[in-house]
Amino acid sequence: MTADELKHTITQGLPCQHITLEGDGRHWYATIVSAEFEGCRLIKRHQKVYATLGEKIKTDEVHALSMKTFTPAEWAQQAEA
């Protein structure tokens, strides 16, 4: 799987204001900004992202996804820091 394919998969299931991906095709690191994360605890945010992967995570097409998740307001604070 390429970064573009993974990005497309995630953004099809989760509206993202920003997403960056780095990885080797199986192990990925993502930074994801979405308004869908408003009011969600960290585990719920990750569950929302994993839900977009569906069978890809179950069949090991995406072996590992490490992520940082932000709301748009949190992301704006990161930019100011």
C-alpha atoms as a PDB file:
ATOM      1  CA  MET A   1       0.000   0.000   0.000  1.00  0.00           C
ATOM      2  CA  THR A   2       1.258   3.469  -0.867  1.00  0.00           C
ATOM      3  CA  ALA A   3       0.865   6.617   1.212  1.00  0.00           C
ATOM      4  CA  ASP A   4      -1.586   7.992  -1.371  1.00  0.00           C
ATOM      5  CA  GLU A   5      -3.723   4.839  -1.171  1.00  0.00           C
ATOM      6  CA  LEU A   6      -3.766   4.934   2.615  1.00  0.00           C
ATOM      7  CA  LYS A   7      -4.577   8.651   2.637  1.00  0.00           C
ATOM      8  CA  HIS A   8      -7.440   8.041   0.211  1.00  0.00           C
ATOM      9  CA  THR A   9      -8.800   5.212   2.365  1.00  0.00           C
ATOM     10  CA  ILE A  10      -8.744   7.307   5.544  1.00  0.00           C
ATOM     11  CA  THR A  11     -10.210  10.437   3.950  1.00  0.00           C
ATOM     12  CA  GLN A  12     -13.030   8.458   2.316  1.00  0.00           C
ATOM     13  CA  GLY A  13     -14.264   7.475   5.766  1.00  0.00           C
ATOM     14  CA  LEU A  14     -13.234  10.501   7.813  1.00  0.00           C
ATOM     15  CA  PRO A  15     -13.334  14.137   6.730  1.00  0.00           C
ATOM     16  CA  CYS A  16      -9.833  15.492   7.379  1.00  0.00           C
ATOM     17  CA  GLN A  17      -8.615  19.066   7.331  1.00  0.00           C
ATOM     18  CA  HIS A  18      -5.021  17.817   7.279  1.00  0.00           C
ATOM     19  CA  ILE A  19      -3.320  14.447   6.993  1.00  0.00           C
ATOM     20  CA  THR A  20       0.317  13.460   6.612  1.00  0.00           C
ATOM     21  CA  LEU A  21       1.618   9.921   6.337  1.00  0.00           C
ATOM     22  CA  GLU A  22       5.067   8.408   6.538  1.00  0.00           C
ATOM     23  CA  GLY A  23       5.878   4.746   6.335  1.00  0.00           C
ATOM     24  CA  ASP A  24       7.272   1.755   4.533  1.00  0.00           C
ATOM     25  CA  GLY A  25       4.099   0.280   3.064  1.00  0.00           C
ATOM     26  CA  ARG A  26       3.073  -1.723   6.130  1.00  0.00           C
ATOM     27  CA  HIS A  27       4.129   0.373   9.133  1.00  0.00           C
ATOM     28  CA  TRP A  28       2.749   3.898   9.106  1.00  0.00           C
ATOM     29  CA  TYR A  29       2.930   7.089  11.135  1.00  0.00           C
ATOM     30  CA  ALA A  30       0.078   9.576  10.626  1.00  0.00           C
ATOM     31  CA  THR A  31      -0.846  13.067  11.740  1.00  0.00           C
ATOM     32  CA  ILE A  32      -4.573  13.577  11.264  1.00  0.00           C
ATOM     33  CA  VAL A  33      -6.670  16.690  11.850  1.00  0.00           C
ATOM     34  CA  SER A  34     -10.443  16.323  11.777  1.00  0.00           C
ATOM     35  CA  ALA A  35     -13.439  18.139  13.214  1.00  0.00           C
ATOM     36  CA  GLU A  36     -14.851  14.644  13.815  1.00  0.00           C
ATOM     37  CA  PHE A  37     -12.490  14.420  16.796  1.00  0.00           C
ATOM     38  CA  GLU A  38     -14.250  17.243  18.678  1.00  0.00           C
ATOM     39  CA  GLY A  39     -15.276  16.025  22.124  1.00  0.00           C
ATOM     40  CA  CYS A  40     -13.627  12.618  21.646  1.00  0.00           C
ATOM     41  CA  ARG A  41     -11.084  11.055  23.933  1.00  0.00           C
ATOM     42  CA  LEU A  42      -7.868   9.765  22.378  1.00  0.00           C
ATOM     43  CA  ILE A  43      -9.036   6.148  22.147  1.00  0.00           C
ATOM     44  CA  LYS A  44     -12.248   7.170  20.357  1.00  0.00           C
ATOM     45  CA  ARG A  45     -10.242   9.245  17.859  1.00  0.00           C
ATOM     46  CA  HIS A  46      -8.042   6.257  17.068  1.00  0.00           C
ATOM     47  CA  GLN A  47     -11.088   4.004  16.759  1.00  0.00           C
ATOM     48  CA  LYS A  48     -12.564   6.407  14.202  1.00  0.00           C
ATOM     49  CA  VAL A  49      -9.381   6.213  12.116  1.00  0.00           C
ATOM     50  CA  TYR A  50      -9.107   2.423  12.431  1.00  0.00           C
ATOM     51  CA  ALA A  51     -12.752   2.119  11.362  1.00  0.00           C
ATOM     52  CA  THR A  52     -11.837   3.708   8.011  1.00  0.00           C
ATOM     53  CA  LEU A  53      -9.309   0.937   7.384  1.00  0.00           C
ATOM     54  CA  GLY A  54     -11.812  -1.891   7.739  1.00  0.00           C
ATOM     55  CA  GLU A  55     -10.472  -5.102   6.223  1.00  0.00           C
ATOM     56  CA  LYS A  56      -7.103  -3.539   5.394  1.00  0.00           C
ATOM     57  CA  ILE A  57      -6.096  -3.679   9.056  1.00  0.00           C
ATOM     58  CA  LYS A  58      -7.707  -7.081   9.624  1.00  0.00           C
ATOM     59  CA  THR A  59      -5.958  -8.675   6.631  1.00  0.00           C
ATOM     60  CA  ASP A  60      -2.607  -7.116   7.590  1.00  0.00           C
ATOM     61  CA  GLU A  61      -2.458  -4.945   4.444  1.00  0.00           C
ATOM     62  CA  VAL A  62      -1.773  -2.162   6.945  1.00  0.00           C
ATOM     63  CA  HIS A  63       0.226  -3.873   9.661  1.00  0.00           C
ATOM     64  CA  ALA A  64       0.659  -0.918  12.027  1.00  0.00           C
ATOM     65  CA  LEU A  65      -0.580   2.655  12.190  1.00  0.00           C
ATOM     66  CA  SER A  66       0.809   4.996  14.801  1.00  0.00           C
ATOM     67  CA  MET A  67      -0.968   8.325  14.894  1.00  0.00           C
ATOM     68  CA  LYS A  68      -1.334  11.746  16.393  1.00  0.00           C
ATOM     69  CA  THR A  69      -4.859  13.103  16.155  1.00  0.00           C
ATOM     70  CA  PHE A  70      -5.950  16.713  16.534  1.00  0.00           C
ATOM     71  CA  THR A  71      -9.090  18.793  16.279  1.00  0.00           C
ATOM     72  CA  PRO A  72      -8.699  21.860  14.041  1.00  0.00           C
ATOM     73  CA  ALA A  73      -8.386  24.077  17.154  1.00  0.00           C
ATOM     74  CA  GLU A  74      -5.701  21.828  18.649  1.00  0.00           C
ATOM     75  CA  TRP A  75      -3.854  21.831  15.328  1.00  0.00           C
ATOM     76  CA  ALA A  76      -3.958  25.622  15.197  1.00  0.00           C
ATOM     77  CA  GLN A  77      -2.440  25.731  18.699  1.00  0.00           C
ATOM     78  CA  GLN A  78       0.354  23.410  17.531  1.00  0.00           C
ATOM     79  CA  ALA A  79       1.144  25.803  14.684  1.00  0.00           C
ATOM     80  CA  GLU A  80       1.361  28.729  17.091  1.00  0.00           C
ATOM     81  CA  ALA A  81       3.710  26.946  19.476  1.00  0.00           C
END
